[in-house]
Amino acid sequence: MRVCKQCSLEQPLEEYHLNKLSAGGRKPVCKTCRNKITREHRATHGRTETPEQRRKWQLKAKYGVSLEDYAVLANEQDNKCKICGAGHDKGQAGFLVVDHCHTTGRVRGLLCSNCNSALGLFRDEEESLKNAIRYLADTGF
């Protein structure tokens, strides 16, 4: 069972599209909501959308986050990565990356692409991250 980021209904995993990039293997939005979002997007934007319209659609479809929600998160974090603290308002495409739990789909915060990739490579496993920290400390570098 999983809770849809769009409609907030708890549904069986079969009601979510497959997603190879997600640790849970499923999209965070149920098939019904995803199809509705896609239909609305195609009806209103087609191929003439601006980069901001495309970003708005992607944030909503992937994470259930509006541009306004994103702006609030960025403002709360002072436009800095929640892990390394570096300012990234001039980063990849000028945006911080939305970090989310691959199991629940819940948004955790905004990260620079490097920190987000690092968490993904460690599969969000706390023990692996602790082992990496011990390894760095033990090697003395």
C-alpha atoms as a PDB file:
ATOM      1  CA  MET A   1       0.000   0.000   0.000  1.00  0.00           C
ATOM      2  CA  ARG A   2       1.113   3.546  -0.731  1.00  0.00           C
ATOM      3  CA  VAL A   3      -0.354   7.035  -0.288  1.00  0.00           C
ATOM      4  CA  CYS A   4      -0.693   9.057  -3.500  1.00  0.00           C
ATOM      5  CA  LYS A   5       1.081  12.437  -3.382  1.00  0.00           C
ATOM      6  CA  GLN A   6      -1.739  13.989  -5.422  1.00  0.00           C
ATOM      7  CA  CYS A   7      -5.056  12.665  -4.055  1.00  0.00           C
ATOM      8  CA  SER A   8      -3.741  11.425  -0.644  1.00  0.00           C
ATOM      9  CA  LEU A   9      -5.593   8.105  -0.981  1.00  0.00           C
ATOM     10  CA  GLU A  10      -3.887   4.926   0.187  1.00  0.00           C
ATOM     11  CA  GLN A  11      -3.908   2.406  -2.652  1.00  0.00           C
ATOM     12  CA  PRO A  12      -2.247  -0.906  -3.591  1.00  0.00           C
ATOM     13  CA  LEU A  13       1.156  -0.659  -5.290  1.00  0.00           C
ATOM     14  CA  GLU A  14      -0.374  -1.950  -8.533  1.00  0.00           C
ATOM     15  CA  GLU A  15      -2.170   1.415  -8.800  1.00  0.00           C
ATOM     16  CA  TYR A  16       1.175   3.190  -9.329  1.00  0.00           C
ATOM     17  CA  HIS A  17       3.199   3.241 -12.548  1.00  0.00           C
ATOM     18  CA  LEU A  18       6.575   1.512 -12.469  1.00  0.00           C
ATOM     19  CA  ASN A  19       9.625   3.744 -12.029  1.00  0.00           C
ATOM     20  CA  LYS A  20      13.065   2.136 -12.383  1.00  0.00           C
ATOM     21  CA  LEU A  21      14.768   5.115 -10.702  1.00  0.00           C
ATOM     22  CA  SER A  22      12.753   4.828  -7.509  1.00  0.00           C
ATOM     23  CA  ALA A  23      13.932   2.508  -4.733  1.00  0.00           C
ATOM     24  CA  GLY A  24      10.324   1.381  -4.293  1.00  0.00           C
ATOM     25  CA  GLY A  25      10.056   0.901  -8.045  1.00  0.00           C
ATOM     26  CA  ARG A  26       6.838   2.962  -8.323  1.00  0.00           C
ATOM     27  CA  LYS A  27       5.875   6.580  -9.041  1.00  0.00           C
ATOM     28  CA  PRO A  28       4.688   8.678  -6.046  1.00  0.00           C
ATOM     29  CA  VAL A  29       1.400   9.563  -7.815  1.00  0.00           C
ATOM     30  CA  CYS A  30      -1.284   6.943  -8.541  1.00  0.00           C
ATOM     31  CA  LYS A  31      -2.140   5.979 -12.130  1.00  0.00           C
ATOM     32  CA  THR A  32      -5.476   7.798 -12.034  1.00  0.00           C
ATOM     33  CA  CYS A  33      -3.928  11.080 -10.875  1.00  0.00           C
ATOM     34  CA  ARG A  34      -0.912  10.721 -13.153  1.00  0.00           C
ATOM     35  CA  ASN A  35      -3.149  10.165 -16.184  1.00  0.00           C
ATOM     36  CA  LYS A  36      -5.309  13.154 -15.210  1.00  0.00           C
ATOM     37  CA  ILE A  37      -2.238  15.387 -14.797  1.00  0.00           C
ATOM     38  CA  THR A  38      -0.854  14.236 -18.156  1.00  0.00           C
ATOM     39  CA  ARG A  39      -4.174  14.836 -19.966  1.00  0.00           C
ATOM     40  CA  GLU A  40      -4.505  18.315 -18.445  1.00  0.00           C
ATOM     41  CA  HIS A  41      -0.916  19.124 -19.309  1.00  0.00           C
ATOM     42  CA  ARG A  42      -1.263  18.020 -22.920  1.00  0.00           C
ATOM     43  CA  ALA A  43      -4.571  19.839 -23.325  1.00  0.00           C
ATOM     44  CA  THR A  44      -3.253  23.141 -22.013  1.00  0.00           C
ATOM     45  CA  HIS A  45       0.397  23.150 -23.050  1.00  0.00           C
ATOM     46  CA  GLY A  46       1.089  20.862 -25.962  1.00  0.00           C
ATOM     47  CA  ARG A  47       4.556  21.507 -27.324  1.00  0.00           C
ATOM     48  CA  THR A  48       4.485  25.278 -26.869  1.00  0.00           C
ATOM     49  CA  GLU A  49       5.168  25.310 -23.138  1.00  0.00           C
ATOM     50  CA  THR A  50       7.810  27.527 -21.600  1.00  0.00           C
ATOM     51  CA  PRO A  51      10.601  26.099 -19.409  1.00  0.00           C
ATOM     52  CA  GLU A  52       8.728  27.417 -16.341  1.00  0.00           C
ATOM     53  CA  GLN A  53       5.510  25.662 -17.418  1.00  0.00           C
ATOM     54  CA  ARG A  54       7.446  22.429 -17.994  1.00  0.00           C
ATOM     55  CA  ARG A  55       9.112  22.735 -14.570  1.00  0.00           C
ATOM     56  CA  LYS A  56       5.736  23.392 -12.926  1.00  0.00           C
ATOM     57  CA  TRP A  57       4.297  20.277 -14.554  1.00  0.00           C
ATOM     58  CA  GLN A  58       7.321  18.107 -13.677  1.00  0.00           C
ATOM     59  CA  LEU A  59       7.338  19.167 -10.004  1.00  0.00           C
ATOM     60  CA  LYS A  60       3.629  18.390  -9.682  1.00  0.00           C
ATOM     61  CA  ALA A  61       3.770  15.107 -11.606  1.00  0.00           C
ATOM     62  CA  LYS A  62       6.919  13.716  -9.963  1.00  0.00           C
ATOM     63  CA  TYR A  63       6.670  14.999  -6.406  1.00  0.00           C
ATOM     64  CA  GLY A  64       3.202  16.520  -5.927  1.00  0.00           C
ATOM     65  CA  VAL A  65       4.871  19.914  -5.328  1.00  0.00           C
ATOM     66  CA  SER A  66       3.683  23.224  -6.815  1.00  0.00           C
ATOM     67  CA  LEU A  67       6.053  26.004  -7.864  1.00  0.00           C
ATOM     68  CA  GLU A  68       4.803  27.911  -4.819  1.00  0.00           C
ATOM     69  CA  ASP A  69       5.634  24.941  -2.524  1.00  0.00           C
ATOM     70  CA  TYR A  70       9.095  24.766  -4.104  1.00  0.00           C
ATOM     71  CA  ALA A  71       9.621  28.513  -3.557  1.00  0.00           C
ATOM     72  CA  VAL A  72       8.623  28.173   0.127  1.00  0.00           C
ATOM     73  CA  LEU A  73      11.090  25.275   0.610  1.00  0.00           C
ATOM     74  CA  ALA A  74      13.870  27.199  -1.150  1.00  0.00           C
ATOM     75  CA  ASN A  75      13.160  30.299   0.952  1.00  0.00           C
ATOM     76  CA  GLU A  76      13.130  28.269   4.200  1.00  0.00           C
ATOM     77  CA  GLN A  77      16.526  26.860   3.242  1.00  0.00           C
ATOM     78  CA  ASP A  78      17.850  30.287   2.155  1.00  0.00           C
ATOM     79  CA  ASN A  79      18.352  28.815  -1.351  1.00  0.00           C
ATOM     80  CA  LYS A  80      21.039  26.510   0.021  1.00  0.00           C
ATOM     81  CA  CYS A  81      21.497  22.759  -0.061  1.00  0.00           C
ATOM     82  CA  LYS A  82      20.114  21.180   3.121  1.00  0.00           C
ATOM     83  CA  ILE A  83      23.198  18.923   3.403  1.00  0.00           C
ATOM     84  CA  CYS A  84      26.302  20.843   2.315  1.00  0.00           C
ATOM     85  CA  GLY A  85      24.873  24.334   2.831  1.00  0.00           C
ATOM     86  CA  ALA A  86      26.379  25.679  -0.357  1.00  0.00           C
ATOM     87  CA  GLY A  87      24.340  28.292  -2.168  1.00  0.00           C
ATOM     88  CA  HIS A  88      23.038  26.812  -5.350  1.00  0.00           C
ATOM     89  CA  ASP A  89      20.777  29.464  -6.812  1.00  0.00           C
ATOM     90  CA  LYS A  90      23.104  29.437  -9.826  1.00  0.00           C
ATOM     91  CA  GLY A  91      23.361  25.641  -9.841  1.00  0.00           C
ATOM     92  CA  GLN A  92      22.118  23.106 -12.347  1.00  0.00           C
ATOM     93  CA  ALA A  93      19.498  24.979 -14.389  1.00  0.00           C
ATOM     94  CA  GLY A  94      19.363  27.445 -11.467  1.00  0.00           C
ATOM     95  CA  PHE A  95      17.464  25.011  -9.247  1.00  0.00           C
ATOM     96  CA  LEU A  96      18.034  22.887  -6.198  1.00  0.00           C
ATOM     97  CA  VAL A  97      16.849  19.308  -6.620  1.00  0.00           C
ATOM     98  CA  VAL A  98      13.751  18.024  -4.813  1.00  0.00           C
ATOM     99  CA  ASP A  99      14.900  15.249  -2.463  1.00  0.00           C
ATOM    100  CA  HIS A 100      12.302  12.650  -1.561  1.00  0.00           C
ATOM    101  CA  CYS A 101      12.019   9.317   0.190  1.00  0.00           C
ATOM    102  CA  HIS A 102      11.890   6.597  -2.452  1.00  0.00           C
ATOM    103  CA  THR A 103       9.802   4.368  -0.205  1.00  0.00           C
ATOM    104  CA  THR A 104       7.057   6.807   0.812  1.00  0.00           C
ATOM    105  CA  GLY A 105       7.460   9.471  -1.885  1.00  0.00           C
ATOM    106  CA  ARG A 106       7.525  12.146   0.874  1.00  0.00           C
ATOM    107  CA  VAL A 107       9.538  15.284   0.041  1.00  0.00           C
ATOM    108  CA  ARG A 108      12.394  15.814   2.526  1.00  0.00           C
ATOM    109  CA  GLY A 109      13.878  19.050   1.248  1.00  0.00           C
ATOM    110  CA  LEU A 110      15.989  20.609  -1.484  1.00  0.00           C
ATOM    111  CA  LEU A 111      19.553  19.533  -2.223  1.00  0.00           C
ATOM    112  CA  CYS A 112      22.272  20.331  -4.709  1.00  0.00           C
ATOM    113  CA  SER A 113      22.521  17.695  -7.418  1.00  0.00           C
ATOM    114  CA  ASN A 114      25.778  16.304  -5.937  1.00  0.00           C
ATOM    115  CA  CYS A 115      24.298  15.705  -2.465  1.00  0.00           C
ATOM    116  CA  ASN A 116      21.101  14.271  -3.942  1.00  0.00           C
ATOM    117  CA  SER A 117      23.125  11.880  -6.120  1.00  0.00           C
ATOM    118  CA  ALA A 118      25.258  10.847  -3.130  1.00  0.00           C
ATOM    119  CA  LEU A 119      22.168   9.909  -1.099  1.00  0.00           C
ATOM    120  CA  GLY A 120      20.831   7.966  -4.060  1.00  0.00           C
ATOM    121  CA  LEU A 121      24.105   6.085  -4.511  1.00  0.00           C
ATOM    122  CA  PHE A 122      23.907   5.082  -0.838  1.00  0.00           C
ATOM    123  CA  ARG A 123      20.280   4.012  -1.469  1.00  0.00           C
ATOM    124  CA  ASP A 124      19.182   6.281   1.422  1.00  0.00           C
ATOM    125  CA  GLU A 125      20.614   3.693   3.845  1.00  0.00           C
ATOM    126  CA  GLU A 126      21.654   5.360   7.091  1.00  0.00           C
ATOM    127  CA  GLU A 127      23.984   2.512   8.078  1.00  0.00           C
ATOM    128  CA  SER A 128      25.897   2.778   4.792  1.00  0.00           C
ATOM    129  CA  LEU A 129      26.332   6.517   5.316  1.00  0.00           C
ATOM    130  CA  LYS A 130      27.584   5.924   8.882  1.00  0.00           C
ATOM    131  CA  ASN A 131      30.044   3.323   7.553  1.00  0.00           C
ATOM    132  CA  ALA A 132      31.331   5.843   5.009  1.00  0.00           C
ATOM    133  CA  ILE A 133      31.844   8.443   7.762  1.00  0.00           C
ATOM    134  CA  ARG A 134      33.734   5.895   9.920  1.00  0.00           C
ATOM    135  CA  TYR A 135      35.832   4.907   6.914  1.00  0.00           C
ATOM    136  CA  LEU A 136      36.854   8.533   6.288  1.00  0.00           C
ATOM    137  CA  ALA A 137      37.634   9.054   9.979  1.00  0.00           C
ATOM    138  CA  ASP A 138      39.642   5.812  10.235  1.00  0.00           C
ATOM    139  CA  THR A 139      41.773   6.510   7.175  1.00  0.00           C
ATOM    140  CA  GLY A 140      42.842   9.870   8.573  1.00  0.00           C
ATOM    141  CA  PHE A 141      42.236  11.889   5.458  1.00  0.00           C
END
